Amino acid sequence: MPPHITHFKICAKPGHRQDVIDLFDRWLRDRRPGLGGFVRVVLCSSINNPDEFMAYAMFADKKTYDANSNAPEQQAWYEQLRTHLLDDPEWFDGTLEIQRMG
């Protein structure tokens, strides 16, 4: 199965930018070690609006992505993240077709 990637756009409430960054850092520290199939996460802030972020998370396949998405710990993390956002994330789930490095 090809890797599964979820892209998402989020916007922090005014004054909550660092909270969003800290939650992603906490996710990597606390959730990542127990996740088989997790590949990477990338979080970028906008040059024009530092409260706006684009991110993606990559998993080995959709099965491991779904296992993470359906975990109660993931839901609790998401609910905490959502308190720092203006709106719900804008999601794009996809299958990796081409990747080139370097």
PDB file of N, CA and C in Angstrom:
ATOM      1  N   MET A   1       0.838  -1.189   0.000  1.00  0.00           N
ATOM      2  CA  MET A   1       0.000   0.000   0.000  1.00  0.00           C
ATOM      3  C   MET A   1       0.880   1.250   0.000  1.00  0.00           C
ATOM      4  N   PRO A   2       0.495   2.264  -0.743  1.00  0.00           N
ATOM      5  CA  PRO A   2       1.281   3.508  -0.758  1.00  0.00           C
ATOM      6  C   PRO A   2       1.063   4.312   0.518  1.00  0.00           C
ATOM      7  N   PRO A   3       2.012   5.195   0.816  1.00  0.00           N
ATOM      8  CA  PRO A   3       1.854   6.062   1.991  1.00  0.00           C
ATOM      9  C   PRO A   3       0.609   6.939   1.887  1.00  0.00           C
ATOM     10  N   HIS A   4       0.042   7.228   3.052  1.00  0.00           N
ATOM     11  CA  HIS A   4      -1.116   8.110   3.148  1.00  0.00           C
ATOM     12  C   HIS A   4      -0.658   9.440   3.750  1.00  0.00           C
ATOM     13  N   ILE A   5      -1.120  10.530   3.161  1.00  0.00           N
ATOM     14  CA  ILE A   5      -0.758  11.864   3.643  1.00  0.00           C
ATOM     15  C   ILE A   5      -2.034  12.659   3.869  1.00  0.00           C
ATOM     16  N   THR A   6      -2.079  13.335   5.000  1.00  0.00           N
ATOM     17  CA  THR A   6      -3.161  14.279   5.240  1.00  0.00           C
ATOM     18  C   THR A   6      -2.545  15.672   5.351  1.00  0.00           C
ATOM     19  N   HIS A   7      -3.035  16.578   4.518  1.00  0.00           N
ATOM     20  CA  HIS A   7      -2.618  17.981   4.551  1.00  0.00           C
ATOM     21  C   HIS A   7      -3.723  18.746   5.258  1.00  0.00           C
ATOM     22  N   PHE A   8      -3.339  19.780   5.968  1.00  0.00           N
ATOM     23  CA  PHE A   8      -4.367  20.591   6.597  1.00  0.00           C
ATOM     24  C   PHE A   8      -3.888  22.014   6.798  1.00  0.00           C
ATOM     25  N   LYS A   9      -4.858  22.916   6.709  1.00  0.00           N
ATOM     26  CA  LYS A   9      -4.632  24.344   6.909  1.00  0.00           C
ATOM     27  C   LYS A   9      -5.378  24.732   8.168  1.00  0.00           C
ATOM     28  N   ILE A  10      -4.681  25.438   9.064  1.00  0.00           N
ATOM     29  CA  ILE A  10      -5.283  25.875  10.319  1.00  0.00           C
ATOM     30  C   ILE A  10      -4.890  27.323  10.593  1.00  0.00           C
ATOM     31  N   CYS A  11      -5.699  28.000  11.383  1.00  0.00           N
ATOM     32  CA  CYS A  11      -5.392  29.369  11.761  1.00  0.00           C
ATOM     33  C   CYS A  11      -5.598  29.520  13.267  1.00  0.00           C
ATOM     34  N   ALA A  12      -4.534  29.892  13.953  1.00  0.00           N
ATOM     35  CA  ALA A  12      -4.587  30.063  15.403  1.00  0.00           C
ATOM     36  C   ALA A  12      -5.364  31.326  15.759  1.00  0.00           C
ATOM     37  N   LYS A  13      -6.048  31.264  16.894  1.00  0.00           N
ATOM     38  CA  LYS A  13      -6.666  32.458  17.435  1.00  0.00           C
ATOM     39  C   LYS A  13      -5.565  33.453  17.785  1.00  0.00           C
ATOM     40  N   PRO A  14      -5.853  34.753  17.760  1.00  0.00           N
ATOM     41  CA  PRO A  14      -4.841  35.730  18.158  1.00  0.00           C
ATOM     42  C   PRO A  14      -4.282  35.386  19.544  1.00  0.00           C
ATOM     43  N   GLY A  15      -2.967  35.368  19.635  1.00  0.00           N
ATOM     44  CA  GLY A  15      -2.299  35.061  20.890  1.00  0.00           C
ATOM     45  C   GLY A  15      -2.126  33.576  21.179  1.00  0.00           C
ATOM     46  N   HIS A  16      -2.565  32.696  20.265  1.00  0.00           N
ATOM     47  CA  HIS A  16      -2.491  31.253  20.487  1.00  0.00           C
ATOM     48  C   HIS A  16      -1.483  30.549  19.574  1.00  0.00           C
ATOM     49  N   ARG A  17      -0.727  31.325  18.814  1.00  0.00           N
ATOM     50  CA  ARG A  17       0.222  30.743  17.861  1.00  0.00           C
ATOM     51  C   ARG A  17       1.178  29.754  18.530  1.00  0.00           C
ATOM     52  N   GLN A  18       1.792  30.155  19.620  1.00  0.00           N
ATOM     53  CA  GLN A  18       2.765  29.290  20.281  1.00  0.00           C
ATOM     54  C   GLN A  18       2.101  28.052  20.880  1.00  0.00           C
ATOM     55  N   ASP A  19       0.840  28.189  21.316  1.00  0.00           N
ATOM     56  CA  ASP A  19       0.107  27.027  21.833  1.00  0.00           C
ATOM     57  C   ASP A  19      -0.030  25.951  20.762  1.00  0.00           C
ATOM     58  N   VAL A  20      -0.307  26.368  19.520  1.00  0.00           N
ATOM     59  CA  VAL A  20      -0.423  25.426  18.412  1.00  0.00           C
ATOM     60  C   VAL A  20       0.915  24.722  18.195  1.00  0.00           C
ATOM     61  N   ILE A  21       1.988  25.477  18.127  1.00  0.00           N
ATOM     62  CA  ILE A  21       3.323  24.898  17.926  1.00  0.00           C
ATOM     63  C   ILE A  21       3.656  23.933  19.060  1.00  0.00           C
ATOM     64  N   ASP A  22       3.366  24.339  20.286  1.00  0.00           N
ATOM     65  CA  ASP A  22       3.658  23.490  21.446  1.00  0.00           C
ATOM     66  C   ASP A  22       2.867  22.186  21.408  1.00  0.00           C
ATOM     67  N   LEU A  23       1.623  22.236  20.949  1.00  0.00           N
ATOM     68  CA  LEU A  23       0.826  21.016  20.870  1.00  0.00           C
ATOM     69  C   LEU A  23       1.382  20.040  19.844  1.00  0.00           C
ATOM     70  N   PHE A  24       1.862  20.556  18.722  1.00  0.00           N
ATOM     71  CA  PHE A  24       2.491  19.674  17.737  1.00  0.00           C
ATOM     72  C   PHE A  24       3.778  19.070  18.307  1.00  0.00           C
ATOM     73  N   ASP A  25       4.531  19.863  19.025  1.00  0.00           N
ATOM     74  CA  ASP A  25       5.745  19.358  19.667  1.00  0.00           C
ATOM     75  C   ASP A  25       5.391  18.277  20.691  1.00  0.00           C
ATOM     76  N   ARG A  26       4.355  18.507  21.470  1.00  0.00           N
ATOM     77  CA  ARG A  26       3.920  17.519  22.459  1.00  0.00           C
ATOM     78  C   ARG A  26       3.449  16.239  21.778  1.00  0.00           C
ATOM     79  N   TRP A  27       2.738  16.383  20.649  1.00  0.00           N
ATOM     80  CA  TRP A  27       2.284  15.203  19.905  1.00  0.00           C
ATOM     81  C   TRP A  27       3.493  14.364  19.497  1.00  0.00           C
ATOM     82  N   LEU A  28       4.523  15.033  18.970  1.00  0.00           N
ATOM     83  CA  LEU A  28       5.722  14.304  18.547  1.00  0.00           C
ATOM     84  C   LEU A  28       6.411  13.623  19.727  1.00  0.00           C
ATOM     85  N   ARG A  29       6.424  14.275  20.847  1.00  0.00           N
ATOM     86  CA  ARG A  29       7.077  13.722  22.036  1.00  0.00           C
ATOM     87  C   ARG A  29       6.268  12.587  22.661  1.00  0.00           C
ATOM     88  N   ASP A  30       4.949  12.779  22.773  1.00  0.00           N
ATOM     89  CA  ASP A  30       4.118  11.841  23.518  1.00  0.00           C
ATOM     90  C   ASP A  30       3.464  10.750  22.671  1.00  0.00           C
ATOM     91  N   ARG A  31       2.942  11.104  21.509  1.00  0.00           N
ATOM     92  CA  ARG A  31       2.184  10.142  20.682  1.00  0.00           C
ATOM     93  C   ARG A  31       3.072   9.376  19.712  1.00  0.00           C
ATOM     94  N   ARG A  32       4.020  10.046  19.122  1.00  0.00           N
ATOM     95  CA  ARG A  32       4.831   9.441  18.061  1.00  0.00           C
ATOM     96  C   ARG A  32       5.512   8.142  18.469  1.00  0.00           C
ATOM     97  N   PRO A  33       6.130   8.040  19.641  1.00  0.00           N
ATOM     98  CA  PRO A  33       6.851   6.805  19.960  1.00  0.00           C
ATOM     99  C   PRO A  33       5.980   5.545  19.921  1.00  0.00           C
ATOM    100  N   GLY A  34       4.696   5.657  20.174  1.00  0.00           N
ATOM    101  CA  GLY A  34       3.834   4.485  20.179  1.00  0.00           C
ATOM    102  C   GLY A  34       3.109   4.228  18.873  1.00  0.00           C
ATOM    103  N   LEU A  35       3.410   4.998  17.845  1.00  0.00           N
ATOM    104  CA  LEU A  35       2.680   4.875  16.587  1.00  0.00           C
ATOM    105  C   LEU A  35       3.483   4.110  15.557  1.00  0.00           C
ATOM    106  N   GLY A  36       3.123   2.888  15.322  1.00  0.00           N
ATOM    107  CA  GLY A  36       3.708   2.167  14.203  1.00  0.00           C
ATOM    108  C   GLY A  36       3.172   2.741  12.912  1.00  0.00           C
ATOM    109  N   GLY A  37       4.011   2.908  11.939  1.00  0.00           N
ATOM    110  CA  GLY A  37       3.572   3.407  10.646  1.00  0.00           C
ATOM    111  C   GLY A  37       3.632   4.914  10.474  1.00  0.00           C
ATOM    112  N   PHE A  38       3.931   5.649  11.534  1.00  0.00           N
ATOM    113  CA  PHE A  38       4.081   7.098  11.392  1.00  0.00           C
ATOM    114  C   PHE A  38       5.398   7.384  10.676  1.00  0.00           C
ATOM    115  N   VAL A  39       5.372   8.300   9.705  1.00  0.00           N
ATOM    116  CA  VAL A  39       6.574   8.641   8.940  1.00  0.00           C
ATOM    117  C   VAL A  39       7.087  10.025   9.305  1.00  0.00           C
ATOM    118  N   ARG A  40       6.240  11.049   9.157  1.00  0.00           N
ATOM    119  CA  ARG A  40       6.693  12.419   9.450  1.00  0.00           C
ATOM    120  C   ARG A  40       5.518  13.368   9.564  1.00  0.00           C
ATOM    121  N   VAL A  41       5.815  14.502  10.186  1.00  0.00           N
ATOM    122  CA  VAL A  41       4.874  15.613  10.211  1.00  0.00           C
ATOM    123  C   VAL A  41       5.674  16.882   9.918  1.00  0.00           C
ATOM    124  N   VAL A  42       5.064  17.787   9.180  1.00  0.00           N
ATOM    125  CA  VAL A  42       5.681  19.066   8.853  1.00  0.00           C
ATOM    126  C   VAL A  42       4.659  20.152   9.180  1.00  0.00           C
ATOM    127  N   LEU A  43       5.075  21.159   9.928  1.00  0.00           N
ATOM    128  CA  LEU A  43       4.223  22.293  10.285  1.00  0.00           C
ATOM    129  C   LEU A  43       4.925  23.562   9.822  1.00  0.00           C
ATOM    130  N   CYS A  44       4.249  24.348   8.988  1.00  0.00           N
ATOM    131  CA  CYS A  44       4.826  25.594   8.461  1.00  0.00           C
ATOM    132  C   CYS A  44       3.874  26.744   8.763  1.00  0.00           C
ATOM    133  N   SER A  45       4.448  27.889   9.134  1.00  0.00           N
ATOM    134  CA  SER A  45       3.621  29.079   9.321  1.00  0.00           C
ATOM    135  C   SER A  45       3.771  29.988   8.100  1.00  0.00           C
ATOM    136  N   SER A  46       2.742  30.767   7.851  1.00  0.00           N
ATOM    137  CA  SER A  46       2.725  31.667   6.707  1.00  0.00           C
ATOM    138  C   SER A  46       3.625  32.879   6.959  1.00  0.00           C
ATOM    139  N   ILE A  47       4.324  33.293   5.953  1.00  0.00           N
ATOM    140  CA  ILE A  47       5.140  34.511   6.038  1.00  0.00           C
ATOM    141  C   ILE A  47       4.241  35.735   6.185  1.00  0.00           C
ATOM    142  N   ASN A  48       3.091  35.720   5.493  1.00  0.00           N
ATOM    143  CA  ASN A  48       2.191  36.872   5.507  1.00  0.00           C
ATOM    144  C   ASN A  48       1.296  36.928   6.740  1.00  0.00           C
ATOM    145  N   ASN A  49       1.043  35.768   7.362  1.00  0.00           N
ATOM    146  CA  ASN A  49       0.206  35.714   8.555  1.00  0.00           C
ATOM    147  C   ASN A  49       0.737  34.598   9.449  1.00  0.00           C
ATOM    148  N   PRO A  50       1.597  34.907  10.405  1.00  0.00           N
ATOM    149  CA  PRO A  50       2.220  33.875  11.232  1.00  0.00           C
ATOM    150  C   PRO A  50       1.239  33.031  12.049  1.00  0.00           C
ATOM    151  N   ASP A  51      -0.027  33.459  12.172  1.00  0.00           N
ATOM    152  CA  ASP A  51      -1.028  32.660  12.869  1.00  0.00           C
ATOM    153  C   ASP A  51      -1.638  31.583  11.970  1.00  0.00           C
ATOM    154  N   GLU A  52      -1.315  31.633  10.686  1.00  0.00           N
ATOM    155  CA  GLU A  52      -1.841  30.664   9.727  1.00  0.00           C
ATOM    156  C   GLU A  52      -0.783  29.589   9.477  1.00  0.00           C
ATOM    157  N   PHE A  53      -1.220  28.324   9.510  1.00  0.00           N
ATOM    158  CA  PHE A  53      -0.309  27.194   9.331  1.00  0.00           C
ATOM    159  C   PHE A  53      -0.819  26.264   8.245  1.00  0.00           C
ATOM    160  N   MET A  54       0.120  25.654   7.554  1.00  0.00           N
ATOM    161  CA  MET A  54      -0.140  24.514   6.680  1.00  0.00           C
ATOM    162  C   MET A  54       0.696  23.386   7.251  1.00  0.00           C
ATOM    163  N   ALA A  55       0.147  22.180   7.214  1.00  0.00           N
ATOM    164  CA  ALA A  55       0.871  21.046   7.767  1.00  0.00           C
ATOM    165  C   ALA A  55       0.531  19.797   6.969  1.00  0.00           C
ATOM    166  N   TYR A  56       1.384  18.801   7.122  1.00  0.00           N
ATOM    167  CA  TYR A  56       1.013  17.482   6.625  1.00  0.00           C
ATOM    168  C   TYR A  56       1.598  16.436   7.541  1.00  0.00           C
ATOM    169  N   ALA A  57       0.871  15.337   7.613  1.00  0.00           N
ATOM    170  CA  ALA A  57       1.330  14.169   8.359  1.00  0.00           C
ATOM    171  C   ALA A  57       1.319  12.997   7.393  1.00  0.00           C
ATOM    172  N   MET A  58       2.392  12.208   7.421  1.00  0.00           N
ATOM    173  CA  MET A  58       2.506  11.055   6.536  1.00  0.00           C
ATOM    174  C   MET A  58       2.560   9.779   7.377  1.00  0.00           C
ATOM    175  N   PHE A  59       1.804   8.803   6.928  1.00  0.00           N
ATOM    176  CA  PHE A  59       1.787   7.481   7.543  1.00  0.00           C
ATOM    177  C   PHE A  59       2.105   6.440   6.476  1.00  0.00           C
ATOM    178  N   ALA A  60       2.558   5.284   6.913  1.00  0.00           N
ATOM    179  CA  ALA A  60       2.957   4.230   5.984  1.00  0.00           C
ATOM    180  C   ALA A  60       1.833   3.849   5.025  1.00  0.00           C
ATOM    181  N   ASP A  61       0.595   3.904   5.510  1.00  0.00           N
ATOM    182  CA  ASP A  61      -0.556   3.568   4.676  1.00  0.00           C
ATOM    183  C   ASP A  61      -1.827   4.090   5.355  1.00  0.00           C
ATOM    184  N   LYS A  62      -2.934   3.961   4.668  1.00  0.00           N
ATOM    185  CA  LYS A  62      -4.198   4.471   5.213  1.00  0.00           C
ATOM    186  C   LYS A  62      -4.613   3.716   6.472  1.00  0.00           C
ATOM    187  N   LYS A  63      -4.296   2.445   6.554  1.00  0.00           N
ATOM    188  CA  LYS A  63      -4.657   1.655   7.732  1.00  0.00           C
ATOM    189  C   LYS A  63      -4.022   2.227   8.997  1.00  0.00           C
ATOM    190  N   THR A  64      -2.737   2.583   8.956  1.00  0.00           N
ATOM    191  CA  THR A  64      -2.080   3.141  10.136  1.00  0.00           C
ATOM    192  C   THR A  64      -2.563   4.565  10.408  1.00  0.00           C
ATOM    193  N   TYR A  65      -2.862   5.315   9.359  1.00  0.00           N
ATOM    194  CA  TYR A  65      -3.444   6.647   9.534  1.00  0.00           C
ATOM    195  C   TYR A  65      -4.792   6.551  10.251  1.00  0.00           C
ATOM    196  N   ASP A  66      -5.646   5.632   9.785  1.00  0.00           N
ATOM    197  CA  ASP A  66      -6.962   5.464  10.401  1.00  0.00           C
ATOM    198  C   ASP A  66      -6.846   5.012  11.853  1.00  0.00           C
ATOM    199  N   ALA A  67      -5.892   4.128  12.144  1.00  0.00           N
ATOM    200  CA  ALA A  67      -5.696   3.674  13.527  1.00  0.00           C
ATOM    201  C   ALA A  67      -5.348   4.857  14.426  1.00  0.00           C
ATOM    202  N   ASN A  68      -4.499   5.751  13.946  1.00  0.00           N
ATOM    203  CA  ASN A  68      -4.165   6.946  14.718  1.00  0.00           C
ATOM    204  C   ASN A  68      -5.380   7.860  14.849  1.00  0.00           C
ATOM    205  N   SER A  69      -6.061   8.099  13.756  1.00  0.00           N
ATOM    206  CA  SER A  69      -7.214   9.006  13.766  1.00  0.00           C
ATOM    207  C   SER A  69      -8.310   8.541  14.714  1.00  0.00           C
ATOM    208  N   ASN A  70      -8.474   7.241  14.841  1.00  0.00           N
ATOM    209  CA  ASN A  70      -9.545   6.683  15.662  1.00  0.00           C
ATOM    210  C   ASN A  70      -9.146   6.439  17.113  1.00  0.00           C
ATOM    211  N   ALA A  71      -7.904   6.714  17.465  1.00  0.00           N
ATOM    212  CA  ALA A  71      -7.437   6.500  18.838  1.00  0.00           C
ATOM    213  C   ALA A  71      -8.004   7.582  19.764  1.00  0.00           C
ATOM    214  N   PRO A  72      -8.471   7.199  20.945  1.00  0.00           N
ATOM    215  CA  PRO A  72      -8.990   8.194  21.892  1.00  0.00           C
ATOM    216  C   PRO A  72      -7.958   9.270  22.248  1.00  0.00           C
ATOM    217  N   GLU A  73      -6.690   8.904  22.315  1.00  0.00           N
ATOM    218  CA  GLU A  73      -5.632   9.875  22.630  1.00  0.00           C
ATOM    219  C   GLU A  73      -5.515  10.925  21.526  1.00  0.00           C
ATOM    220  N   GLN A  74      -5.720  10.503  20.282  1.00  0.00           N
ATOM    221  CA  GLN A  74      -5.661  11.446  19.163  1.00  0.00           C
ATOM    222  C   GLN A  74      -6.850  12.393  19.221  1.00  0.00           C
ATOM    223  N   GLN A  75      -8.009  11.870  19.543  1.00  0.00           N
ATOM    224  CA  GLN A  75      -9.201  12.717  19.657  1.00  0.00           C
ATOM    225  C   GLN A  75      -9.021  13.753  20.763  1.00  0.00           C
ATOM    226  N   ALA A  76      -8.459  13.344  21.891  1.00  0.00           N
ATOM    227  CA  ALA A  76      -8.221  14.282  22.996  1.00  0.00           C
ATOM    228  C   ALA A  76      -7.231  15.363  22.581  1.00  0.00           C
ATOM    229  N   TRP A  77      -6.176  14.968  21.853  1.00  0.00           N
ATOM    230  CA  TRP A  77      -5.182  15.944  21.369  1.00  0.00           C
ATOM    231  C   TRP A  77      -5.857  16.927  20.403  1.00  0.00           C
ATOM    232  N   TYR A  78      -6.655  16.403  19.474  1.00  0.00           N
ATOM    233  CA  TYR A  78      -7.329  17.262  18.505  1.00  0.00           C
ATOM    234  C   TYR A  78      -8.267  18.248  19.195  1.00  0.00           C
ATOM    235  N   GLU A  79      -9.023  17.781  20.168  1.00  0.00           N
ATOM    236  CA  GLU A  79      -9.938  18.669  20.878  1.00  0.00           C
ATOM    237  C   GLU A  79      -9.178  19.793  21.579  1.00  0.00           C
ATOM    238  N   GLN A  80      -8.014  19.486  22.097  1.00  0.00           N
ATOM    239  CA  GLN A  80      -7.202  20.527  22.721  1.00  0.00           C
ATOM    240  C   GLN A  80      -6.691  21.503  21.662  1.00  0.00           C
ATOM    241  N   LEU A  81      -6.217  20.972  20.536  1.00  0.00           N
ATOM    242  CA  LEU A  81      -5.768  21.837  19.437  1.00  0.00           C
ATOM    243  C   LEU A  81      -6.896  22.748  18.987  1.00  0.00           C
ATOM    244  N   ARG A  82      -8.084  22.191  18.837  1.00  0.00           N
ATOM    245  CA  ARG A  82      -9.221  22.964  18.307  1.00  0.00           C
ATOM    246  C   ARG A  82      -9.547  24.178  19.172  1.00  0.00           C
ATOM    247  N   THR A  83      -9.273  24.130  20.475  1.00  0.00           N
ATOM    248  CA  THR A  83      -9.538  25.277  21.343  1.00  0.00           C
ATOM    249  C   THR A  83      -8.654  26.471  20.998  1.00  0.00           C
ATOM    250  N   HIS A  84      -7.568  26.241  20.282  1.00  0.00           N
ATOM    251  CA  HIS A  84      -6.633  27.303  19.915  1.00  0.00           C
ATOM    252  C   HIS A  84      -6.828  27.802  18.484  1.00  0.00           C
ATOM    253  N   LEU A  85      -7.820  27.248  17.773  1.00  0.00           N
ATOM    254  CA  LEU A  85      -8.027  27.589  16.368  1.00  0.00           C
ATOM    255  C   LEU A  85      -9.272  28.437  16.166  1.00  0.00           C
ATOM    256  N   LEU A  86      -9.231  29.294  15.151  1.00  0.00           N
ATOM    257  CA  LEU A  86     -10.393  30.112  14.793  1.00  0.00           C
ATOM    258  C   LEU A  86     -11.527  29.264  14.239  1.00  0.00           C
ATOM    259  N   ASP A  87     -11.184  28.289  13.401  1.00  0.00           N
ATOM    260  CA  ASP A  87     -12.162  27.447  12.713  1.00  0.00           C
ATOM    261  C   ASP A  87     -11.646  26.011  12.666  1.00  0.00           C
ATOM    262  N   ASP A  88     -12.506  25.118  12.199  1.00  0.00           N
ATOM    263  CA  ASP A  88     -12.068  23.746  11.971  1.00  0.00           C
ATOM    264  C   ASP A  88     -10.975  23.733  10.900  1.00  0.00           C
ATOM    265  N   PRO A  89     -10.075  22.767  10.964  1.00  0.00           N
ATOM    266  CA  PRO A  89      -9.052  22.654   9.925  1.00  0.00           C
ATOM    267  C   PRO A  89      -9.679  22.408   8.553  1.00  0.00           C
ATOM    268  N   GLU A  90      -8.974  22.843   7.542  1.00  0.00           N
ATOM    269  CA  GLU A  90      -9.336  22.512   6.165  1.00  0.00           C
ATOM    270  C   GLU A  90      -8.473  21.310   5.791  1.00  0.00           C
ATOM    271  N   TRP A  91      -9.090  20.162   5.511  1.00  0.00           N
ATOM    272  CA  TRP A  91      -8.381  18.897   5.328  1.00  0.00           C
ATOM    273  C   TRP A  91      -8.261  18.514   3.861  1.00  0.00           C
ATOM    274  N   PHE A  92      -7.182  17.825   3.542  1.00  0.00           N
ATOM    275  CA  PHE A  92      -7.015  17.173   2.246  1.00  0.00           C
ATOM    276  C   PHE A  92      -6.284  15.870   2.509  1.00  0.00           C
ATOM    277  N   ASP A  93      -6.976  14.758   2.351  1.00  0.00           N
ATOM    278  CA  ASP A  93      -6.361  13.442   2.517  1.00  0.00           C
ATOM    279  C   ASP A  93      -6.000  12.892   1.152  1.00  0.00           C
ATOM    280  N   GLY A  94      -4.828  12.280   1.075  1.00  0.00           N
ATOM    281  CA  GLY A  94      -4.396  11.766  -0.215  1.00  0.00           C
ATOM    282  C   GLY A  94      -3.428  10.607  -0.126  1.00  0.00           C
ATOM    283  N   THR A  95      -3.171  10.045  -1.277  1.00  0.00           N
ATOM    284  CA  THR A  95      -2.224   8.959  -1.435  1.00  0.00           C
ATOM    285  C   THR A  95      -0.979   9.504  -2.115  1.00  0.00           C
ATOM    286  N   LEU A  96       0.179   9.186  -1.583  1.00  0.00           N
ATOM    287  CA  LEU A  96       1.434   9.659  -2.168  1.00  0.00           C
ATOM    288  C   LEU A  96       1.616   9.023  -3.540  1.00  0.00           C
ATOM    289  N   GLU A  97       1.782   9.845  -4.544  1.00  0.00           N
ATOM    290  CA  GLU A  97       2.001   9.361  -5.915  1.00  0.00           C
ATOM    291  C   GLU A  97       3.469   9.497  -6.320  1.00  0.00           C
ATOM    292  N   ILE A  98       4.075  10.633  -6.019  1.00  0.00           N
ATOM    293  CA  ILE A  98       5.482  10.875  -6.388  1.00  0.00           C
ATOM    294  C   ILE A  98       6.148  11.622  -5.246  1.00  0.00           C
ATOM    295  N   GLN A  99       7.376  11.232  -4.935  1.00  0.00           N
ATOM    296  CA  GLN A  99       8.170  11.969  -3.936  1.00  0.00           C
ATOM    297  C   GLN A  99       9.613  11.942  -4.394  1.00  0.00           C
ATOM    298  N   ARG A 100      10.240  13.082  -4.403  1.00  0.00           N
ATOM    299  CA  ARG A 100      11.656  13.186  -4.753  1.00  0.00           C
ATOM    300  C   ARG A 100      12.353  13.996  -3.673  1.00  0.00           C
ATOM    301  N   MET A 101      13.485  13.569  -3.253  1.00  0.00           N
ATOM    302  CA  MET A 101      14.260  14.276  -2.242  1.00  0.00           C
ATOM    303  C   MET A 101      15.597  14.681  -2.872  1.00  0.00           C
ATOM    304  N   GLY A 102      16.089  15.850  -2.449  1.00  0.00           N
ATOM    305  CA  GLY A 102      17.424  16.265  -2.862  1.00  0.00           C
ATOM    306  C   GLY A 102      17.589  16.709  -4.219  1.00  0.00           C
TER     307      GLY A 102
END
